[in-house]
Amino acid sequence: MTRRRNDRALVRPHVVTGGRAHPTRNVFDLVTLVTANTDRPLTGLSPEKLRIVELCRGGALSVVEIAGHLELPVAVTKVLLSDLVDDGQLTTRAPAPAARTQARLLQEVLDGLRATL
């Protein structure tokens, strides 16, 4: 019996998270910024977790950017991130309030343009 590619894709996230569907902490928004703590040893990390730490050592990345780099669903990425935060490998922070205000302003402009067209 041959395995279809979709079957493999369904199993992998379950395996990557150790069967967990929810992070240990609920502090991750799509735009939460994540940075690596460079003073921590990288021993004992799974390949996905190691990749996350390496990505975040280059500078702050958002949760959605990390998920994109890993090609994993955001929910799976959040589980991995929460493990790494719990282990002290990563630090999170909310995005700057100005970024949220700017995004809101851009959305209002877009809505206004759509209304006039």
N, C-alpha and C. Protein backbone atom coordinates (compact mmCIF):
# COMPACT_ATOMS: atom_id res chain seq x y z
N MET A 1 0.83 -1.18 0.00
CA MET A 1 0.00 0.00 0.00
C MET A 1 0.88 1.25 0.00
N THR A 2 0.62 2.13 -0.91
CA THR A 2 1.41 3.36 -0.99
C THR A 2 0.75 4.47 -0.20
N ARG A 3 1.58 5.27 0.39
CA ARG A 3 1.07 6.39 1.17
C ARG A 3 0.95 7.62 0.30
N ARG A 4 -0.16 8.27 0.42
CA ARG A 4 -0.34 9.52 -0.31
C ARG A 4 0.34 10.65 0.46
N ARG A 5 0.74 11.67 -0.26
CA ARG A 5 1.41 12.82 0.35
C ARG A 5 0.53 13.47 1.42
N ASN A 6 -0.78 13.57 1.19
CA ASN A 6 -1.68 14.19 2.16
C ASN A 6 -1.74 13.42 3.47
N ASP A 7 -1.64 12.09 3.41
CA ASP A 7 -1.65 11.30 4.63
C ASP A 7 -0.45 11.65 5.49
N ARG A 8 0.70 11.81 4.87
CA ARG A 8 1.91 12.15 5.60
C ARG A 8 1.78 13.54 6.23
N ALA A 9 1.19 14.46 5.50
CA ALA A 9 1.03 15.82 6.00
C ALA A 9 0.12 15.86 7.23
N LEU A 10 -0.86 14.97 7.29
CA LEU A 10 -1.75 14.93 8.45
C LEU A 10 -1.08 14.35 9.68
N VAL A 11 -0.16 13.45 9.51
CA VAL A 11 0.50 12.81 10.64
C VAL A 11 1.60 13.69 11.20
N ARG A 12 2.33 14.37 10.37
CA ARG A 12 3.51 15.09 10.80
C ARG A 12 3.28 16.10 11.92
N PRO A 13 2.31 17.01 11.83
CA PRO A 13 2.11 17.95 12.93
C PRO A 13 1.85 17.26 14.26
N HIS A 14 1.12 16.18 14.23
CA HIS A 14 0.84 15.43 15.46
C HIS A 14 2.14 14.89 16.05
N VAL A 15 2.99 14.40 15.21
CA VAL A 15 4.28 13.86 15.67
C VAL A 15 5.19 14.98 16.16
N VAL A 16 5.23 16.08 15.44
CA VAL A 16 6.10 17.21 15.78
C VAL A 16 5.77 17.77 17.16
N THR A 17 4.51 17.82 17.53
CA THR A 17 4.11 18.40 18.81
C THR A 17 4.01 17.37 19.93
N GLY A 18 4.35 16.14 19.65
CA GLY A 18 4.22 15.11 20.67
C GLY A 18 2.77 14.80 20.99
N GLY A 19 1.88 15.01 20.05
CA GLY A 19 0.47 14.70 20.24
C GLY A 19 -0.34 15.82 20.86
N ARG A 20 0.29 16.94 21.18
CA ARG A 20 -0.43 18.05 21.80
C ARG A 20 -1.01 18.97 20.75
N ALA A 21 -2.19 19.50 21.03
CA ALA A 21 -2.85 20.40 20.09
C ALA A 21 -2.86 21.84 20.58
N HIS A 22 -2.50 22.07 21.85
CA HIS A 22 -2.56 23.41 22.42
C HIS A 22 -1.24 23.74 23.11
N PRO A 23 -0.81 25.00 23.01
CA PRO A 23 0.42 25.40 23.70
C PRO A 23 0.21 25.45 25.20
N THR A 24 1.32 25.38 25.95
CA THR A 24 1.23 25.43 27.41
C THR A 24 0.87 26.82 27.90
N ARG A 25 1.08 27.81 27.07
CA ARG A 25 0.72 29.19 27.41
C ARG A 25 0.00 29.80 26.22
N ASN A 26 -0.91 30.69 26.50
CA ASN A 26 -1.70 31.29 25.43
C ASN A 26 -1.31 32.76 25.26
N VAL A 27 -0.04 33.00 24.94
CA VAL A 27 0.45 34.36 24.82
C VAL A 27 0.82 34.72 23.39
N PHE A 28 0.53 33.83 22.46
CA PHE A 28 0.98 34.03 21.09
C PHE A 28 -0.15 34.51 20.20
N ASP A 29 0.05 35.69 19.66
CA ASP A 29 -0.81 36.22 18.62
C ASP A 29 -0.04 36.02 17.31
N LEU A 30 -0.67 36.19 16.19
CA LEU A 30 0.04 36.02 14.92
C LEU A 30 1.20 37.00 14.77
N VAL A 31 1.09 38.16 15.40
CA VAL A 31 2.13 39.17 15.27
C VAL A 31 3.02 39.30 16.49
N THR A 32 2.91 38.36 17.44
CA THR A 32 3.81 38.35 18.58
C THR A 32 5.23 38.17 18.07
N LEU A 33 6.14 38.99 18.58
CA LEU A 33 7.53 38.93 18.14
C LEU A 33 8.32 37.98 19.03
N VAL A 34 9.16 37.18 18.40
CA VAL A 34 9.91 36.14 19.10
C VAL A 34 11.40 36.36 18.84
N THR A 35 12.21 36.33 19.91
CA THR A 35 13.66 36.41 19.78
C THR A 35 14.30 35.27 20.56
N ALA A 36 15.48 34.87 20.13
CA ALA A 36 16.19 33.78 20.78
C ALA A 36 17.09 34.32 21.89
N ASN A 37 17.20 33.55 22.95
CA ASN A 37 18.16 33.84 24.02
C ASN A 37 19.45 33.12 23.65
N THR A 38 20.46 33.86 23.30
CA THR A 38 21.69 33.26 22.75
C THR A 38 22.57 32.59 23.78
N ASP A 39 22.28 32.75 25.05
CA ASP A 39 23.12 32.16 26.08
C ASP A 39 22.71 30.73 26.44
N ARG A 40 21.73 30.18 25.79
CA ARG A 40 21.23 28.84 26.11
C ARG A 40 21.84 27.79 25.18
N PRO A 41 22.19 26.61 25.71
CA PRO A 41 22.71 25.54 24.84
C PRO A 41 21.60 24.97 23.95
N LEU A 42 21.97 24.49 22.78
CA LEU A 42 20.98 23.98 21.82
C LEU A 42 20.88 22.46 21.85
N THR A 43 21.39 21.84 22.86
CA THR A 43 21.35 20.38 22.93
C THR A 43 19.95 19.89 23.28
N GLY A 44 19.60 18.75 22.71
CA GLY A 44 18.33 18.10 23.03
C GLY A 44 17.12 18.67 22.33
N LEU A 45 17.30 19.57 21.38
CA LEU A 45 16.16 20.14 20.67
C LEU A 45 15.82 19.31 19.44
N SER A 46 14.53 19.21 19.16
CA SER A 46 14.09 18.53 17.94
C SER A 46 14.54 19.37 16.74
N PRO A 47 14.56 18.80 15.55
CA PRO A 47 14.96 19.59 14.37
C PRO A 47 14.11 20.84 14.16
N GLU A 48 12.82 20.75 14.40
CA GLU A 48 11.94 21.91 14.23
C GLU A 48 12.24 22.99 15.26
N LYS A 49 12.45 22.58 16.50
CA LYS A 49 12.76 23.56 17.55
C LYS A 49 14.12 24.20 17.31
N LEU A 50 15.08 23.41 16.87
CA LEU A 50 16.40 23.95 16.55
C LEU A 50 16.29 24.97 15.42
N ARG A 51 15.49 24.68 14.43
CA ARG A 51 15.30 25.60 13.30
C ARG A 51 14.67 26.91 13.78
N ILE A 52 13.71 26.83 14.69
CA ILE A 52 13.07 28.03 15.23
C ILE A 52 14.10 28.91 15.94
N VAL A 53 14.92 28.30 16.79
CA VAL A 53 15.92 29.06 17.54
C VAL A 53 16.92 29.70 16.57
N GLU A 54 17.34 28.95 15.56
CA GLU A 54 18.28 29.50 14.58
C GLU A 54 17.65 30.67 13.82
N LEU A 55 16.39 30.54 13.46
CA LEU A 55 15.70 31.63 12.77
C LEU A 55 15.64 32.89 13.64
N CYS A 56 15.32 32.70 14.91
CA CYS A 56 15.13 33.83 15.81
C CYS A 56 16.45 34.45 16.27
N ARG A 57 17.54 33.77 16.07
CA ARG A 57 18.84 34.36 16.42
C ARG A 57 19.22 35.46 15.44
N GLY A 58 18.61 35.48 14.28
CA GLY A 58 18.87 36.52 13.29
C GLY A 58 18.12 37.81 13.57
N GLY A 59 17.26 37.82 14.54
CA GLY A 59 16.45 39.00 14.88
C GLY A 59 15.03 38.57 15.17
N ALA A 60 14.23 39.49 15.62
CA ALA A 60 12.85 39.19 15.99
C ALA A 60 12.02 38.82 14.77
N LEU A 61 11.24 37.75 14.93
CA LEU A 61 10.31 37.30 13.89
C LEU A 61 8.93 37.15 14.52
N SER A 62 7.91 37.34 13.72
CA SER A 62 6.55 37.13 14.22
C SER A 62 6.22 35.64 14.16
N VAL A 63 5.21 35.26 14.90
CA VAL A 63 4.76 33.86 14.93
C VAL A 63 4.41 33.39 13.53
N VAL A 64 3.70 34.21 12.77
CA VAL A 64 3.28 33.81 11.44
C VAL A 64 4.48 33.67 10.49
N GLU A 65 5.51 34.51 10.67
CA GLU A 65 6.73 34.37 9.84
C GLU A 65 7.44 33.06 10.14
N ILE A 66 7.51 32.70 11.41
CA ILE A 66 8.16 31.45 11.80
C ILE A 66 7.40 30.27 11.21
N ALA A 67 6.08 30.30 11.31
CA ALA A 67 5.27 29.22 10.74
C ALA A 67 5.51 29.10 9.24
N GLY A 68 5.63 30.22 8.56
CA GLY A 68 5.90 30.22 7.13
C GLY A 68 7.25 29.62 6.79
N HIS A 69 8.27 29.98 7.56
CA HIS A 69 9.60 29.41 7.33
C HIS A 69 9.62 27.91 7.56
N LEU A 70 8.89 27.46 8.57
CA LEU A 70 8.86 26.03 8.89
C LEU A 70 7.92 25.24 8.00
N GLU A 71 7.04 25.96 7.30
CA GLU A 71 5.99 25.33 6.50
C GLU A 71 5.11 24.41 7.36
N LEU A 72 4.77 24.93 8.53
CA LEU A 72 3.90 24.22 9.48
C LEU A 72 2.69 25.11 9.77
N PRO A 73 1.57 24.50 10.16
CA PRO A 73 0.42 25.31 10.57
C PRO A 73 0.76 26.18 11.78
N VAL A 74 0.10 27.32 11.89
CA VAL A 74 0.37 28.24 12.99
C VAL A 74 0.11 27.57 14.34
N ALA A 75 -0.93 26.76 14.44
CA ALA A 75 -1.25 26.09 15.71
C ALA A 75 -0.10 25.18 16.16
N VAL A 76 0.50 24.48 15.24
CA VAL A 76 1.64 23.61 15.56
C VAL A 76 2.83 24.46 15.97
N THR A 77 3.06 25.53 15.25
CA THR A 77 4.17 26.43 15.56
C THR A 77 4.01 27.02 16.96
N LYS A 78 2.79 27.36 17.34
CA LYS A 78 2.55 27.91 18.68
C LYS A 78 2.90 26.90 19.77
N VAL A 79 2.61 25.63 19.54
CA VAL A 79 2.95 24.59 20.52
C VAL A 79 4.47 24.52 20.67
N LEU A 80 5.19 24.51 19.55
CA LEU A 80 6.65 24.46 19.60
C LEU A 80 7.23 25.71 20.26
N LEU A 81 6.67 26.87 19.94
CA LEU A 81 7.15 28.11 20.55
C LEU A 81 6.93 28.12 22.06
N SER A 82 5.79 27.63 22.50
CA SER A 82 5.52 27.63 23.94
C SER A 82 6.50 26.72 24.67
N ASP A 83 6.86 25.59 24.06
CA ASP A 83 7.87 24.70 24.66
C ASP A 83 9.21 25.42 24.79
N LEU A 84 9.58 26.15 23.74
CA LEU A 84 10.87 26.85 23.74
C LEU A 84 10.88 28.02 24.72
N VAL A 85 9.75 28.70 24.88
CA VAL A 85 9.66 29.77 25.88
C VAL A 85 9.75 29.16 27.28
N ASP A 86 9.06 28.05 27.51
CA ASP A 86 9.12 27.37 28.80
C ASP A 86 10.55 26.93 29.14
N ASP A 87 11.32 26.52 28.12
CA ASP A 87 12.70 26.08 28.33
C ASP A 87 13.69 27.24 28.42
N GLY A 88 13.23 28.46 28.22
CA GLY A 88 14.11 29.61 28.28
C GLY A 88 14.89 29.88 27.01
N GLN A 89 14.55 29.19 25.93
CA GLN A 89 15.26 29.38 24.66
C GLN A 89 14.81 30.65 23.94
N LEU A 90 13.55 31.04 24.15
CA LEU A 90 12.98 32.17 23.43
C LEU A 90 12.34 33.18 24.37
N THR A 91 12.26 34.41 23.89
CA THR A 91 11.56 35.48 24.59
C THR A 91 10.53 36.06 23.63
N THR A 92 9.36 36.39 24.14
CA THR A 92 8.32 36.97 23.29
C THR A 92 8.00 38.38 23.75
N ARG A 93 7.51 39.17 22.82
CA ARG A 93 7.02 40.50 23.16
C ARG A 93 5.94 40.90 22.17
N ALA A 94 5.05 41.73 22.64
CA ALA A 94 3.98 42.22 21.77
C ALA A 94 4.56 43.19 20.76
N PRO A 95 3.97 43.30 19.58
CA PRO A 95 4.45 44.27 18.61
C PRO A 95 4.23 45.70 19.13
N ALA A 96 4.95 46.62 18.56
CA ALA A 96 4.82 48.03 18.94
C ALA A 96 3.40 48.51 18.69
N PRO A 97 2.82 49.27 19.61
CA PRO A 97 1.46 49.76 19.40
C PRO A 97 1.30 50.56 18.12
N ALA A 98 2.33 51.27 17.70
CA ALA A 98 2.24 52.07 16.47
C ALA A 98 1.98 51.17 15.26
N ALA A 99 2.54 49.99 15.27
CA ALA A 99 2.33 49.06 14.16
C ALA A 99 0.86 48.65 14.08
N ARG A 100 0.25 48.44 15.21
CA ARG A 100 -1.17 48.09 15.21
C ARG A 100 -2.01 49.26 14.72
N THR A 101 -1.67 50.46 15.16
CA THR A 101 -2.40 51.65 14.74
C THR A 101 -2.25 51.86 13.24
N GLN A 102 -1.03 51.68 12.74
CA GLN A 102 -0.79 51.85 11.32
C GLN A 102 -1.58 50.82 10.51
N ALA A 103 -1.63 49.59 10.96
CA ALA A 103 -2.39 48.56 10.26
C ALA A 103 -3.88 48.91 10.26
N ARG A 104 -4.35 49.42 11.36
CA ARG A 104 -5.77 49.82 11.45
C ARG A 104 -6.05 50.97 10.49
N LEU A 105 -5.14 51.94 10.42
CA LEU A 105 -5.29 53.07 9.51
C LEU A 105 -5.30 52.59 8.06
N LEU A 106 -4.40 51.69 7.72
CA LEU A 106 -4.36 51.16 6.36
C LEU A 106 -5.64 50.40 6.02
N GLN A 107 -6.18 49.67 6.98
CA GLN A 107 -7.43 48.95 6.75
C GLN A 107 -8.58 49.92 6.50
N GLU A 108 -8.61 51.03 7.25
CA GLU A 108 -9.65 52.03 7.05
C GLU A 108 -9.53 52.68 5.67
N VAL A 109 -8.30 52.96 5.25
CA VAL A 109 -8.09 53.52 3.91
C VAL A 109 -8.56 52.54 2.85
N LEU A 110 -8.21 51.27 3.01
CA LEU A 110 -8.64 50.25 2.06
C LEU A 110 -10.16 50.14 2.02
N ASP A 111 -10.79 50.14 3.18
CA ASP A 111 -12.26 50.08 3.22
C ASP A 111 -12.88 51.29 2.53
N GLY A 112 -12.28 52.48 2.74
CA GLY A 112 -12.78 53.69 2.10
C GLY A 112 -12.64 53.63 0.58
N LEU A 113 -11.51 53.12 0.11
CA LEU A 113 -11.31 52.98 -1.33
C LEU A 113 -12.29 51.99 -1.94
N ARG A 114 -12.51 50.91 -1.26
CA ARG A 114 -13.47 49.92 -1.77
C ARG A 114 -14.88 50.50 -1.83
N ALA A 115 -15.23 51.33 -0.85
CA ALA A 115 -16.57 51.92 -0.82
C ALA A 115 -16.78 52.89 -1.98
N THR A 116 -15.71 53.58 -2.42
CA THR A 116 -15.85 54.56 -3.49
C THR A 116 -15.78 53.93 -4.86
N LEU A 117 -15.26 52.73 -4.97
CA LEU A 117 -15.13 52.08 -6.28
C LEU A 117 -16.36 51.35 -6.66
